[in-house]
Amino acid sequence: MVHMSDLTNKQIMQNIFSEMARGESKLFVESMADDFRWILPGTNQWSRTFDGKNAVLTELFGMLGSKIAGPIITTAQRFIADGDYVVVEARGKSTTKTGIPYNNSYCFVFRLADGKLKEVTEYMDTELATATFGDPE
């Protein structure tokens, strides 16, 4: 049994994304610290911050779950690690409940502490998100 403390931050993210490439988010959710923060930067209608694991799960994941059918496949292309930070370039593959493909491109900047995810800043194609889902409100 490998303990989280024995893994590097890069290995932790590689393990999480190997599951997410199969549409599994359990390890991702389990790895979030209780005060995990998800930041969607910018000045567009998707820009906001979700403060706390509970807000991420109920508000962000809840909104996605209400619009997307089946699993969300997120496949990492590249991991770049520097200290507490791991940058993950990834591609998404999913389908909305109305049958529209939603295949976004992402750059996630994760900050970790003590083997837990503390924060992520998600850069994505907001135009595609708006075209697919409309206004997030």
Protein backbone atom coordinates (compact mmCIF):
# COMPACT_ATOMS: atom_id res chain seq x y z
CA MET A 1 0.00 0.00 0.00
CA VAL A 2 1.46 3.33 -1.06
CA HIS A 3 0.69 6.25 1.23
CA MET A 4 -0.19 9.63 -0.27
CA SER A 5 2.75 11.18 1.60
CA ASP A 6 5.11 8.86 -0.29
CA LEU A 7 3.93 10.07 -3.68
CA THR A 8 5.16 13.19 -5.39
CA ASN A 9 2.59 15.81 -6.30
CA LYS A 10 3.09 14.90 -9.97
CA GLN A 11 2.40 11.21 -9.24
CA ILE A 12 -0.74 12.14 -7.29
CA MET A 13 -2.07 14.10 -10.28
CA GLN A 14 -1.09 11.35 -12.72
CA ASN A 15 -3.02 8.82 -10.63
CA ILE A 16 -6.09 11.09 -10.46
CA PHE A 17 -6.07 11.74 -14.21
CA SER A 18 -5.53 8.09 -15.10
CA GLU A 19 -8.91 7.47 -13.41
CA MET A 20 -10.51 10.56 -14.95
CA ALA A 21 -9.50 9.28 -18.42
CA ARG A 22 -11.90 6.40 -17.65
CA GLY A 23 -14.63 8.75 -16.42
CA GLU A 24 -13.95 8.00 -12.74
CA SER A 25 -13.78 10.97 -10.35
CA LYS A 26 -13.66 9.13 -7.00
CA LEU A 27 -9.92 9.59 -6.39
CA PHE A 28 -10.16 13.23 -7.51
CA VAL A 29 -12.93 13.93 -4.99
CA GLU A 30 -11.17 11.97 -2.21
CA SER A 31 -7.96 13.96 -2.84
CA MET A 32 -9.63 17.36 -2.36
CA ALA A 33 -8.90 19.09 0.94
CA ASP A 34 -12.03 20.29 2.75
CA ASP A 35 -11.01 23.89 1.97
CA PHE A 36 -10.27 23.10 -1.68
CA ARG A 37 -10.83 26.10 -3.95
CA TRP A 38 -11.72 25.96 -7.67
CA ILE A 39 -11.03 29.18 -9.60
CA LEU A 40 -12.42 29.96 -13.06
CA PRO A 41 -10.47 33.15 -13.83
CA GLY A 42 -11.31 35.96 -16.20
CA THR A 43 -14.09 38.43 -16.85
CA ASN A 44 -16.63 36.22 -18.62
CA GLN A 45 -19.92 34.76 -17.39
CA TRP A 46 -18.14 31.53 -16.30
CA SER A 47 -15.63 33.41 -14.10
CA ARG A 48 -16.11 32.60 -10.44
CA THR A 49 -14.52 30.92 -7.44
CA PHE A 50 -15.95 27.90 -5.63
CA ASP A 51 -14.72 28.03 -2.02
CA GLY A 52 -14.56 24.68 -0.25
CA LYS A 53 -14.90 21.06 -1.34
CA ASN A 54 -18.64 21.13 -0.63
CA ALA A 55 -19.20 24.13 -2.94
CA VAL A 56 -17.17 22.45 -5.70
CA LEU A 57 -19.17 19.23 -5.41
CA THR A 58 -22.64 20.76 -5.05
CA GLU A 59 -22.39 23.90 -7.20
CA LEU A 60 -19.82 23.16 -9.93
CA PHE A 61 -20.16 19.39 -10.22
CA GLY A 62 -23.91 19.67 -9.61
CA MET A 63 -24.29 22.07 -12.53
CA LEU A 64 -22.20 19.85 -14.82
CA GLY A 65 -24.08 16.73 -13.73
CA SER A 66 -27.40 18.38 -14.55
CA LYS A 67 -26.27 19.11 -18.12
CA ILE A 68 -23.96 16.23 -19.08
CA ALA A 69 -25.08 12.68 -19.83
CA GLY A 70 -22.90 9.85 -18.57
CA PRO A 71 -19.30 10.15 -17.47
CA ILE A 72 -17.04 13.11 -18.15
CA ILE A 73 -13.83 11.81 -19.71
CA THR A 74 -10.82 14.06 -19.04
CA THR A 75 -7.58 12.89 -20.61
CA ALA A 76 -4.30 14.50 -19.59
CA GLN A 77 -1.77 15.36 -22.30
CA ARG A 78 1.01 16.75 -20.15
CA PHE A 79 2.03 17.20 -16.51
CA ILE A 80 4.42 19.96 -15.50
CA ALA A 81 5.40 19.94 -11.82
CA ASP A 82 7.15 22.62 -9.78
CA GLY A 83 7.09 22.32 -6.01
CA ASP A 84 3.52 22.55 -4.70
CA TYR A 85 2.18 23.16 -8.21
CA VAL A 86 1.27 20.71 -10.96
CA VAL A 87 0.02 22.01 -14.31
CA VAL A 88 -2.11 19.57 -16.28
CA GLU A 89 -2.99 20.12 -19.93
CA ALA A 90 -6.05 18.01 -20.73
CA ARG A 91 -8.85 17.35 -23.19
CA GLY A 92 -12.43 16.70 -22.20
CA LYS A 93 -14.87 14.39 -23.94
CA SER A 94 -18.52 14.27 -22.99
CA THR A 95 -22.02 14.65 -24.35
CA THR A 96 -24.80 16.88 -23.08
CA LYS A 97 -28.19 15.45 -22.14
CA THR A 98 -29.49 16.94 -25.38
CA GLY A 99 -26.91 14.96 -27.38
CA ILE A 100 -24.43 17.74 -28.16
CA PRO A 101 -20.74 16.79 -27.95
CA TYR A 102 -18.77 18.83 -25.43
CA ASN A 103 -15.04 18.36 -25.98
CA ASN A 104 -13.20 21.21 -24.29
CA SER A 105 -9.47 21.89 -23.88
CA TYR A 106 -8.11 22.68 -20.44
CA CYS A 107 -5.08 23.90 -18.61
CA PHE A 108 -5.42 23.15 -14.90
CA VAL A 109 -2.98 24.68 -12.40
CA PHE A 110 -3.22 22.62 -9.20
CA ARG A 111 -1.69 23.52 -5.84
CA LEU A 112 -1.17 20.68 -3.40
CA ALA A 113 -0.23 20.48 0.27
CA ASP A 114 0.38 17.32 2.33
CA GLY A 115 -0.81 15.10 -0.53
CA LYS A 116 -4.16 16.92 -0.82
CA LEU A 117 -5.52 19.22 -3.51
CA LYS A 118 -5.80 22.75 -2.10
CA GLU A 119 -6.61 24.81 -5.17
CA VAL A 120 -7.06 24.63 -8.93
CA THR A 121 -7.22 27.39 -11.50
CA GLU A 122 -8.98 26.12 -14.62
CA TYR A 123 -8.30 27.75 -17.97
CA MET A 124 -10.69 26.54 -20.68
CA ASP A 125 -12.48 27.53 -23.87
CA THR A 126 -15.26 29.59 -22.30
CA GLU A 127 -16.78 30.33 -25.72
CA LEU A 128 -17.33 26.60 -26.23
CA ALA A 129 -18.84 26.26 -22.75
CA THR A 130 -21.26 29.11 -23.43
CA ALA A 131 -22.16 27.81 -26.89
CA THR A 132 -22.85 24.36 -25.43
CA PHE A 133 -24.51 25.17 -22.08
CA GLY A 134 -25.65 28.77 -22.38
CA ASP A 135 -25.27 31.09 -19.40
CA PRO A 136 -24.10 29.14 -16.30
CA GLU A 137 -26.78 30.87 -14.20
